[in-house]
């Protein structure tokens, strides 16, 4: 049971996060490629097929090799951090968000390795589909959602929550 809890469940959880990302990208390709934008909430949110060869706001366009090199390094660092966390309640919550981050990063990494563009003859595009229309915001995908939410949660938990003992209640620190 110890081995299952330590490795099988986390790997399965990452697999679920990865699958959610890849299924939404597959659905986007199947139902949105070559189609007009689908409005979900008028003036707020739309679904659209978009290929991205960089990151948010068009930064590092064509930087496929940068991402292919840096992502395994970051994934390895996440595994190391995950395995070195103490056995406290807050560390367990940190582990969950690290797994969400890992699954999201893995989803976009997979695209950068294997996804072929449907628009031109390139490999390594990330498929995005969520278009926020009420602000100037880049089109994004589920992996991006997982990454951003988990990074914010990890930052809040790391800097503002104090819990270095295996207690049932979390204590919020006044000085970080």
N, C-alpha and C. Protein backbone atom coordinates (compact mmCIF):
# COMPACT_ATOMS: atom_id res chain seq x y z
N UNK A 1 0.82 -1.19 0.00
CA UNK A 1 0.00 0.00 0.00
C UNK A 1 0.87 1.27 0.00
N UNK A 2 2.01 1.20 0.69
CA UNK A 2 2.89 2.36 0.76
C UNK A 2 3.36 2.78 -0.63
N UNK A 3 3.75 1.81 -1.46
CA UNK A 3 4.23 2.09 -2.81
C UNK A 3 3.12 2.70 -3.67
N UNK A 4 1.91 2.22 -3.49
CA UNK A 4 0.78 2.76 -4.25
C UNK A 4 0.56 4.21 -3.88
N UNK A 5 0.52 4.49 -2.59
CA UNK A 5 0.28 5.85 -2.12
C UNK A 5 1.43 6.77 -2.53
N UNK A 6 2.65 6.25 -2.49
CA UNK A 6 3.82 7.09 -2.76
C UNK A 6 4.00 7.39 -4.24
N UNK A 7 3.74 6.42 -5.13
CA UNK A 7 4.05 6.63 -6.55
C UNK A 7 2.89 6.39 -7.50
N UNK A 8 2.12 5.35 -7.31
CA UNK A 8 1.07 5.01 -8.28
C UNK A 8 -0.03 6.07 -8.30
N UNK A 9 -0.52 6.48 -7.15
CA UNK A 9 -1.57 7.50 -7.11
C UNK A 9 -1.10 8.84 -7.68
N UNK A 10 0.09 9.32 -7.31
CA UNK A 10 0.55 10.58 -7.94
C UNK A 10 0.71 10.48 -9.45
N UNK A 11 1.24 9.37 -9.93
CA UNK A 11 1.40 9.21 -11.38
C UNK A 11 0.04 9.15 -12.06
N UNK A 12 -0.91 8.46 -11.46
CA UNK A 12 -2.27 8.40 -12.01
C UNK A 12 -2.91 9.79 -12.03
N UNK A 13 -2.70 10.55 -10.97
CA UNK A 13 -3.25 11.91 -10.90
C UNK A 13 -2.66 12.79 -12.00
N UNK A 14 -1.35 12.73 -12.19
CA UNK A 14 -0.71 13.48 -13.28
C UNK A 14 -1.28 13.01 -14.62
N UNK A 15 -1.49 11.71 -14.76
CA UNK A 15 -2.07 11.17 -15.99
C UNK A 15 -3.46 11.73 -16.27
N UNK A 16 -4.25 11.91 -15.24
CA UNK A 16 -5.59 12.48 -15.41
C UNK A 16 -5.50 13.94 -15.85
N UNK A 17 -4.62 14.70 -15.22
CA UNK A 17 -4.42 16.11 -15.61
C UNK A 17 -3.97 16.19 -17.07
N UNK A 18 -3.00 15.36 -17.43
CA UNK A 18 -2.49 15.31 -18.80
C UNK A 18 -3.61 14.93 -19.77
N UNK A 19 -4.41 13.93 -19.40
CA UNK A 19 -5.50 13.47 -20.27
C UNK A 19 -6.55 14.56 -20.47
N UNK A 20 -6.92 15.27 -19.42
CA UNK A 20 -7.88 16.37 -19.55
C UNK A 20 -7.37 17.39 -20.56
N UNK A 21 -6.09 17.74 -20.44
CA UNK A 21 -5.50 18.70 -21.37
C UNK A 21 -5.54 18.17 -22.80
N UNK A 22 -5.08 16.96 -23.01
CA UNK A 22 -5.00 16.42 -24.37
C UNK A 22 -6.38 16.17 -24.97
N UNK A 23 -7.35 15.78 -24.17
CA UNK A 23 -8.71 15.57 -24.68
C UNK A 23 -9.32 16.90 -25.11
N UNK A 24 -9.13 17.95 -24.31
CA UNK A 24 -9.68 19.26 -24.72
C UNK A 24 -9.00 19.77 -25.99
N UNK A 25 -7.72 19.48 -26.17
CA UNK A 25 -7.03 19.87 -27.40
C UNK A 25 -7.55 19.06 -28.58
N UNK A 26 -7.78 17.78 -28.37
CA UNK A 26 -8.32 16.93 -29.43
C UNK A 26 -9.71 17.41 -29.84
N UNK A 27 -10.55 17.72 -28.84
CA UNK A 27 -11.90 18.24 -29.12
C UNK A 27 -11.83 19.57 -29.87
N UNK A 28 -10.85 20.40 -29.51
CA UNK A 28 -10.67 21.68 -30.19
C UNK A 28 -10.33 21.45 -31.66
N UNK A 29 -9.43 20.53 -31.92
CA UNK A 29 -9.05 20.21 -33.30
C UNK A 29 -10.25 19.67 -34.07
N UNK A 30 -10.99 18.76 -33.45
CA UNK A 30 -12.13 18.12 -34.11
C UNK A 30 -13.28 19.09 -34.40
N UNK A 31 -13.52 20.01 -33.48
CA UNK A 31 -14.73 20.83 -33.57
C UNK A 31 -14.51 22.31 -33.85
N UNK A 32 -13.29 22.80 -33.72
CA UNK A 32 -13.07 24.23 -33.90
C UNK A 32 -12.14 24.58 -35.05
N UNK A 33 -11.28 23.65 -35.49
CA UNK A 33 -10.37 23.96 -36.59
C UNK A 33 -11.17 24.29 -37.84
N UNK A 34 -10.85 25.43 -38.44
CA UNK A 34 -11.52 25.85 -39.67
C UNK A 34 -12.93 26.37 -39.44
N UNK A 35 -13.33 26.51 -38.20
CA UNK A 35 -14.68 26.98 -37.87
C UNK A 35 -14.60 28.39 -37.29
N UNK A 36 -15.71 29.12 -37.38
CA UNK A 36 -15.71 30.44 -36.74
C UNK A 36 -15.69 30.31 -35.22
N UNK A 37 -15.30 31.37 -34.59
CA UNK A 37 -15.27 31.44 -33.13
C UNK A 37 -16.65 31.09 -32.56
N UNK A 38 -16.65 30.31 -31.48
CA UNK A 38 -17.90 29.96 -30.81
C UNK A 38 -18.01 30.75 -29.50
N UNK A 39 -18.99 31.60 -29.45
CA UNK A 39 -19.18 32.45 -28.28
C UNK A 39 -19.82 31.64 -27.16
N UNK A 40 -19.17 31.67 -26.00
CA UNK A 40 -19.72 31.01 -24.82
C UNK A 40 -20.50 32.03 -24.00
N UNK A 41 -19.85 33.16 -23.70
CA UNK A 41 -20.49 34.29 -23.03
C UNK A 41 -20.13 35.52 -23.85
N UNK A 42 -21.15 36.14 -24.45
CA UNK A 42 -20.91 37.26 -25.37
C UNK A 42 -20.05 38.35 -24.74
N UNK A 43 -18.97 38.69 -25.43
CA UNK A 43 -18.06 39.73 -24.98
C UNK A 43 -17.14 39.32 -23.84
N UNK A 44 -17.23 38.07 -23.41
CA UNK A 44 -16.43 37.61 -22.27
C UNK A 44 -15.55 36.42 -22.64
N UNK A 45 -16.16 35.34 -23.13
CA UNK A 45 -15.41 34.10 -23.38
C UNK A 45 -15.88 33.44 -24.67
N UNK A 46 -14.91 33.05 -25.48
CA UNK A 46 -15.19 32.34 -26.72
C UNK A 46 -14.28 31.12 -26.83
N UNK A 47 -14.68 30.19 -27.67
CA UNK A 47 -13.85 29.03 -28.00
C UNK A 47 -13.38 29.20 -29.44
N UNK A 48 -12.09 28.99 -29.66
CA UNK A 48 -11.50 29.22 -30.97
C UNK A 48 -10.31 28.27 -31.13
N UNK A 49 -10.03 27.87 -32.37
CA UNK A 49 -8.83 27.09 -32.63
C UNK A 49 -7.67 28.06 -32.82
N UNK A 50 -6.59 27.85 -32.04
CA UNK A 50 -5.42 28.72 -32.13
C UNK A 50 -4.18 27.87 -31.92
N UNK A 51 -3.17 28.09 -32.76
CA UNK A 51 -1.89 27.41 -32.59
C UNK A 51 -0.88 28.41 -32.05
N UNK A 52 -0.08 27.96 -31.10
CA UNK A 52 0.90 28.82 -30.46
C UNK A 52 2.27 28.14 -30.50
N UNK A 53 3.25 28.82 -31.06
CA UNK A 53 4.60 28.25 -31.10
C UNK A 53 5.50 28.88 -30.05
N UNK A 54 4.91 29.69 -29.18
CA UNK A 54 5.67 30.35 -28.12
C UNK A 54 4.96 30.21 -26.79
N UNK A 55 4.89 31.32 -26.07
CA UNK A 55 4.17 31.31 -24.81
C UNK A 55 3.22 32.52 -24.80
N UNK A 56 2.69 32.87 -23.65
CA UNK A 56 1.69 33.91 -23.53
C UNK A 56 2.13 35.23 -24.17
N UNK A 57 1.14 35.92 -24.76
CA UNK A 57 1.34 37.22 -25.39
C UNK A 57 2.39 37.18 -26.51
N UNK A 58 2.55 36.02 -27.14
CA UNK A 58 3.45 35.91 -28.27
C UNK A 58 4.93 35.90 -27.93
N UNK A 59 5.26 35.80 -26.65
CA UNK A 59 6.68 35.78 -26.27
C UNK A 59 7.31 34.45 -26.69
N UNK A 60 8.57 34.51 -27.05
CA UNK A 60 9.37 33.36 -27.46
C UNK A 60 8.73 32.55 -28.58
N UNK A 61 8.10 33.26 -29.54
CA UNK A 61 7.54 32.57 -30.70
C UNK A 61 8.65 31.81 -31.41
N UNK A 62 8.37 30.59 -31.77
CA UNK A 62 9.36 29.76 -32.44
C UNK A 62 10.43 29.24 -31.49
N UNK A 63 10.21 29.37 -30.20
CA UNK A 63 11.19 28.93 -29.21
C UNK A 63 11.02 27.49 -28.79
N UNK A 64 10.61 26.65 -29.74
CA UNK A 64 10.35 25.24 -29.44
C UNK A 64 11.52 24.57 -28.74
N UNK A 65 12.73 24.76 -29.24
CA UNK A 65 13.89 24.07 -28.66
C UNK A 65 14.21 24.56 -27.26
N UNK A 66 13.97 25.83 -27.00
CA UNK A 66 14.14 26.35 -25.64
C UNK A 66 13.23 25.58 -24.69
N UNK A 67 11.95 25.45 -25.07
CA UNK A 67 11.00 24.75 -24.22
C UNK A 67 11.31 23.25 -24.10
N UNK A 68 11.80 22.67 -25.19
CA UNK A 68 12.14 21.24 -25.15
C UNK A 68 13.32 21.00 -24.22
N UNK A 69 14.23 21.94 -24.13
CA UNK A 69 15.39 21.80 -23.24
C UNK A 69 15.02 22.14 -21.79
N UNK A 70 14.30 23.23 -21.58
CA UNK A 70 14.05 23.70 -20.22
C UNK A 70 12.97 22.89 -19.49
N UNK A 71 11.97 22.39 -20.21
CA UNK A 71 10.87 21.68 -19.54
C UNK A 71 11.33 20.43 -18.80
N UNK A 72 12.14 19.55 -19.37
CA UNK A 72 12.59 18.38 -18.58
C UNK A 72 13.39 18.78 -17.34
N UNK A 73 14.14 19.87 -17.44
CA UNK A 73 14.89 20.34 -16.27
C UNK A 73 13.91 20.77 -15.17
N UNK A 74 12.89 21.52 -15.55
CA UNK A 74 11.89 21.97 -14.58
C UNK A 74 11.07 20.80 -14.03
N UNK A 75 10.73 19.84 -14.88
CA UNK A 75 9.98 18.67 -14.41
C UNK A 75 10.81 17.86 -13.42
N UNK A 76 12.10 17.73 -13.68
CA UNK A 76 13.00 17.02 -12.76
C UNK A 76 13.09 17.77 -11.43
N UNK A 77 13.16 19.08 -11.49
CA UNK A 77 13.20 19.88 -10.25
C UNK A 77 11.91 19.70 -9.45
N UNK A 78 10.78 19.62 -10.15
CA UNK A 78 9.50 19.41 -9.46
C UNK A 78 9.47 18.05 -8.76
N UNK A 79 9.99 17.02 -9.43
CA UNK A 79 10.04 15.68 -8.82
C UNK A 79 10.93 15.71 -7.58
N UNK A 80 12.08 16.36 -7.70
CA UNK A 80 12.98 16.45 -6.56
C UNK A 80 12.30 17.16 -5.39
N UNK A 81 11.68 18.30 -5.67
CA UNK A 81 11.01 19.07 -4.63
C UNK A 81 9.88 18.25 -4.00
N UNK A 82 9.11 17.59 -4.85
CA UNK A 82 8.00 16.74 -4.39
C UNK A 82 8.51 15.69 -3.39
N UNK A 83 9.61 15.04 -3.73
CA UNK A 83 10.12 13.95 -2.89
C UNK A 83 10.83 14.43 -1.63
N UNK A 84 11.24 15.70 -1.59
CA UNK A 84 11.95 16.20 -0.42
C UNK A 84 11.06 16.94 0.57
N UNK A 85 9.79 17.14 0.21
CA UNK A 85 8.88 17.83 1.13
C UNK A 85 8.67 16.99 2.39
N UNK A 86 8.56 17.64 3.54
CA UNK A 86 8.32 16.89 4.78
C UNK A 86 6.90 16.32 4.83
N UNK A 87 6.65 15.51 5.81
CA UNK A 87 5.32 14.90 5.95
C UNK A 87 4.46 15.77 6.88
N UNK A 88 4.03 16.90 6.32
CA UNK A 88 3.13 17.79 7.05
C UNK A 88 1.89 18.01 6.20
N UNK A 89 0.87 18.56 6.81
CA UNK A 89 -0.38 18.81 6.09
C UNK A 89 -0.15 19.79 4.93
N UNK A 90 0.56 20.86 5.20
CA UNK A 90 0.79 21.85 4.14
C UNK A 90 1.63 21.25 3.01
N UNK A 91 2.59 20.41 3.35
CA UNK A 91 3.40 19.76 2.32
C UNK A 91 2.55 18.84 1.45
N UNK A 92 1.57 18.19 2.04
CA UNK A 92 0.67 17.33 1.25
C UNK A 92 -0.14 18.16 0.27
N UNK A 93 -0.58 19.34 0.69
CA UNK A 93 -1.32 20.23 -0.21
C UNK A 93 -0.37 20.74 -1.31
N UNK A 94 0.86 21.08 -0.93
CA UNK A 94 1.86 21.49 -1.92
C UNK A 94 2.08 20.39 -2.95
N UNK A 95 2.13 19.15 -2.49
CA UNK A 95 2.32 18.02 -3.41
C UNK A 95 1.21 17.94 -4.44
N UNK A 96 -0.03 18.16 -4.02
CA UNK A 96 -1.15 18.10 -4.96
C UNK A 96 -0.98 19.17 -6.04
N UNK A 97 -0.65 20.39 -5.65
CA UNK A 97 -0.47 21.45 -6.64
C UNK A 97 0.78 21.22 -7.50
N UNK A 98 1.81 20.61 -6.96
CA UNK A 98 2.96 20.24 -7.78
C UNK A 98 2.57 19.22 -8.85
N UNK A 99 1.71 18.28 -8.49
CA UNK A 99 1.24 17.29 -9.45
C UNK A 99 0.40 17.94 -10.55
N UNK A 100 -0.44 18.90 -10.17
CA UNK A 100 -1.25 19.63 -11.16
C UNK A 100 -0.32 20.41 -12.10
N UNK A 101 0.66 21.08 -11.53
CA UNK A 101 1.64 21.83 -12.32
C UNK A 101 2.39 20.89 -13.27
N UNK A 102 2.83 19.75 -12.75
CA UNK A 102 3.55 18.76 -13.54
C UNK A 102 2.70 18.28 -14.72
N UNK A 103 1.43 17.95 -14.45
CA UNK A 103 0.54 17.47 -15.51
C UNK A 103 0.30 18.52 -16.58
N UNK A 104 0.13 19.78 -16.17
CA UNK A 104 -0.05 20.85 -17.14
C UNK A 104 1.19 21.08 -17.98
N UNK A 105 2.34 21.12 -17.33
CA UNK A 105 3.60 21.31 -18.05
C UNK A 105 3.84 20.15 -19.01
N UNK A 106 3.51 18.96 -18.58
CA UNK A 106 3.67 17.77 -19.43
C UNK A 106 2.77 17.85 -20.67
N UNK A 107 1.56 18.38 -20.49
CA UNK A 107 0.64 18.51 -21.62
C UNK A 107 1.18 19.43 -22.70
N UNK A 108 1.68 20.60 -22.31
CA UNK A 108 2.25 21.52 -23.31
C UNK A 108 3.57 21.00 -23.85
N UNK A 109 4.35 20.30 -23.02
CA UNK A 109 5.61 19.71 -23.48
C UNK A 109 5.35 18.67 -24.56
N UNK A 110 4.35 17.85 -24.34
CA UNK A 110 3.97 16.83 -25.33
C UNK A 110 3.66 17.50 -26.67
N UNK A 111 2.88 18.58 -26.63
CA UNK A 111 2.55 19.30 -27.86
C UNK A 111 3.81 19.80 -28.55
N UNK A 112 4.73 20.36 -27.78
CA UNK A 112 5.95 20.91 -28.37
C UNK A 112 6.82 19.82 -28.99
N UNK A 113 6.71 18.62 -28.47
CA UNK A 113 7.47 17.51 -29.05
C UNK A 113 6.81 16.93 -30.30
N UNK A 114 5.48 16.78 -30.27
CA UNK A 114 4.82 15.96 -31.28
C UNK A 114 3.72 16.61 -32.10
N UNK A 115 3.11 17.68 -31.63
CA UNK A 115 1.92 18.22 -32.32
C UNK A 115 2.29 18.91 -33.61
N UNK A 116 1.67 18.45 -34.71
CA UNK A 116 1.89 19.04 -36.02
C UNK A 116 0.85 20.13 -36.27
N UNK A 117 1.32 21.23 -36.83
CA UNK A 117 0.43 22.34 -37.15
C UNK A 117 -0.55 21.92 -38.24
N UNK A 118 -1.78 22.37 -38.11
CA UNK A 118 -2.77 22.15 -39.15
C UNK A 118 -2.79 23.32 -40.13
N UNK A 119 -2.02 24.35 -39.83
CA UNK A 119 -2.00 25.57 -40.64
C UNK A 119 -0.78 25.61 -41.56
N UNK A 120 0.38 25.17 -41.05
CA UNK A 120 1.59 25.17 -41.88
C UNK A 120 2.38 23.89 -41.60
N UNK A 121 3.52 23.74 -42.20
CA UNK A 121 4.30 22.50 -42.09
C UNK A 121 5.28 22.53 -40.94
N UNK A 122 4.83 22.84 -39.75
CA UNK A 122 5.72 22.85 -38.60
C UNK A 122 5.25 21.83 -37.56
N UNK A 123 6.18 21.46 -36.72
CA UNK A 123 5.88 20.57 -35.60
C UNK A 123 6.20 21.35 -34.33
N UNK A 124 5.44 21.12 -33.30
CA UNK A 124 5.75 21.73 -32.02
C UNK A 124 4.83 22.86 -31.62
N UNK A 125 3.63 22.89 -32.19
CA UNK A 125 2.69 23.94 -31.80
C UNK A 125 1.82 23.45 -30.65
N UNK A 126 1.45 24.39 -29.80
CA UNK A 126 0.54 24.11 -28.70
C UNK A 126 -0.84 24.59 -29.14
N UNK A 127 -1.83 23.74 -28.97
CA UNK A 127 -3.20 24.10 -29.35
C UNK A 127 -3.86 24.82 -28.17
N UNK A 128 -4.40 26.00 -28.45
CA UNK A 128 -5.12 26.79 -27.46
C UNK A 128 -6.56 26.93 -27.92
N UNK A 129 -7.46 27.22 -26.97
CA UNK A 129 -8.87 27.31 -27.34
C UNK A 129 -9.70 28.33 -26.58
N UNK A 130 -9.28 28.76 -25.41
CA UNK A 130 -10.08 29.68 -24.61
C UNK A 130 -9.66 31.12 -24.90
N UNK A 131 -10.60 31.92 -25.39
CA UNK A 131 -10.32 33.31 -25.72
C UNK A 131 -11.14 34.22 -24.80
N UNK A 132 -10.45 34.92 -23.92
CA UNK A 132 -11.10 35.89 -23.05
C UNK A 132 -11.21 37.19 -23.83
N UNK A 133 -12.41 37.71 -23.99
CA UNK A 133 -12.65 38.84 -24.89
C UNK A 133 -12.79 40.20 -24.21
N UNK A 134 -13.02 40.25 -22.91
CA UNK A 134 -13.25 41.54 -22.27
C UNK A 134 -11.95 42.26 -21.88
N UNK A 135 -10.81 41.56 -22.00
CA UNK A 135 -9.50 42.16 -21.78
C UNK A 135 -8.55 41.64 -22.85
N UNK A 136 -7.42 42.28 -23.00
CA UNK A 136 -6.40 41.82 -23.94
C UNK A 136 -5.63 40.67 -23.30
N UNK A 137 -6.09 39.46 -23.52
CA UNK A 137 -5.50 38.29 -22.88
C UNK A 137 -5.24 37.25 -23.95
N UNK A 138 -4.10 36.55 -23.87
CA UNK A 138 -3.80 35.55 -24.90
C UNK A 138 -4.75 34.36 -24.83
N UNK A 139 -4.94 33.71 -25.97
CA UNK A 139 -5.73 32.49 -26.02
C UNK A 139 -4.94 31.42 -25.26
N UNK A 140 -5.64 30.58 -24.50
CA UNK A 140 -4.96 29.60 -23.66
C UNK A 140 -5.68 28.27 -23.67
N UNK A 141 -5.10 27.26 -23.02
CA UNK A 141 -5.67 25.91 -22.99
C UNK A 141 -5.75 25.39 -21.56
N UNK A 142 -6.20 24.16 -21.39
CA UNK A 142 -6.35 23.60 -20.04
C UNK A 142 -5.00 23.44 -19.35
N UNK A 143 -3.95 23.08 -20.07
CA UNK A 143 -2.62 22.97 -19.45
C UNK A 143 -2.23 24.30 -18.85
N UNK A 144 -2.50 25.38 -19.57
CA UNK A 144 -2.19 26.72 -19.06
C UNK A 144 -2.98 27.02 -17.79
N UNK A 145 -4.24 26.62 -17.77
CA UNK A 145 -5.07 26.81 -16.58
C UNK A 145 -4.45 26.06 -15.40
N UNK A 146 -4.09 24.80 -15.63
CA UNK A 146 -3.48 24.01 -14.56
C UNK A 146 -2.18 24.64 -14.07
N UNK A 147 -1.37 25.12 -14.99
CA UNK A 147 -0.08 25.72 -14.63
C UNK A 147 -0.29 26.99 -13.82
N UNK A 148 -1.12 27.89 -14.31
CA UNK A 148 -1.31 29.17 -13.63
C UNK A 148 -1.95 28.99 -12.25
N UNK A 149 -3.00 28.20 -12.17
CA UNK A 149 -3.68 27.98 -10.89
C UNK A 149 -2.72 27.34 -9.88
N UNK A 150 -1.95 26.35 -10.32
CA UNK A 150 -1.06 25.68 -9.38
C UNK A 150 0.10 26.58 -8.96
N UNK A 151 0.64 27.39 -9.86
CA UNK A 151 1.73 28.31 -9.49
C UNK A 151 1.23 29.33 -8.47
N UNK A 152 0.04 29.87 -8.69
CA UNK A 152 -0.53 30.82 -7.73
C UNK A 152 -0.74 30.14 -6.37
N UNK A 153 -1.33 28.95 -6.38
CA UNK A 153 -1.56 28.23 -5.13
C UNK A 153 -0.25 27.89 -4.42
N UNK A 154 0.75 27.46 -5.17
CA UNK A 154 2.04 27.14 -4.57
C UNK A 154 2.68 28.38 -3.96
N UNK A 155 2.58 29.51 -4.64
CA UNK A 155 3.14 30.75 -4.11
C UNK A 155 2.43 31.16 -2.82
N UNK A 156 1.11 31.13 -2.83
CA UNK A 156 0.35 31.50 -1.63
C UNK A 156 0.69 30.56 -0.48
N UNK A 157 0.67 29.27 -0.74
CA UNK A 157 0.96 28.30 0.31
C UNK A 157 2.38 28.43 0.84
N UNK A 158 3.32 28.68 -0.05
CA UNK A 158 4.72 28.78 0.35
C UNK A 158 5.00 30.04 1.16
N UNK A 159 4.42 31.16 0.75
CA UNK A 159 4.77 32.43 1.37
C UNK A 159 3.83 32.89 2.49
N UNK A 160 2.60 32.38 2.50
CA UNK A 160 1.64 32.92 3.46
C UNK A 160 1.05 31.92 4.44
N UNK A 161 1.25 30.63 4.22
CA UNK A 161 0.69 29.64 5.12
C UNK A 161 1.81 29.01 5.93
N UNK A 162 1.66 29.04 7.23
CA UNK A 162 2.67 28.48 8.13
C UNK A 162 2.10 27.20 8.75
N UNK A 163 2.73 26.08 8.46
CA UNK A 163 2.31 24.82 9.07
C UNK A 163 3.46 23.84 8.95
N UNK A 164 4.26 23.73 9.98
CA UNK A 164 5.41 22.84 9.94
C UNK A 164 5.22 21.62 10.83
N UNK A 165 3.99 21.33 11.17
CA UNK A 165 3.71 20.16 12.00
C UNK A 165 2.52 19.41 11.40
N UNK A 166 2.39 18.16 11.68
CA UNK A 166 1.28 17.37 11.11
C UNK A 166 -0.03 17.61 11.85
N UNK A 167 -0.55 18.82 11.77
CA UNK A 167 -1.79 19.15 12.47
C UNK A 167 -2.97 19.10 11.52
N UNK A 168 -4.17 19.23 12.07
CA UNK A 168 -5.38 19.18 11.25
C UNK A 168 -5.80 20.55 10.75
N UNK A 169 -5.33 21.62 11.40
CA UNK A 169 -5.72 22.96 11.01
C UNK A 169 -4.51 23.72 10.46
N UNK A 170 -4.76 24.48 9.40
CA UNK A 170 -3.70 25.33 8.85
C UNK A 170 -3.70 26.66 9.58
N UNK A 171 -2.52 27.19 9.83
CA UNK A 171 -2.40 28.50 10.45
C UNK A 171 -1.86 29.46 9.42
N UNK A 172 -2.50 30.62 9.31
CA UNK A 172 -2.03 31.66 8.39
C UNK A 172 -1.08 32.57 9.16
N UNK A 173 0.12 32.72 8.60
CA UNK A 173 1.15 33.52 9.25
C UNK A 173 0.95 34.99 8.93
N UNK A 174 1.14 35.86 9.90
CA UNK A 174 0.99 37.29 9.67
C UNK A 174 2.21 37.87 8.98
N UNK A 175 3.38 37.25 9.11
CA UNK A 175 4.58 37.79 8.48
C UNK A 175 5.14 36.89 7.40
N UNK A 176 4.36 35.99 6.91
CA UNK A 176 4.83 35.18 5.78
C UNK A 176 5.54 34.04 6.23
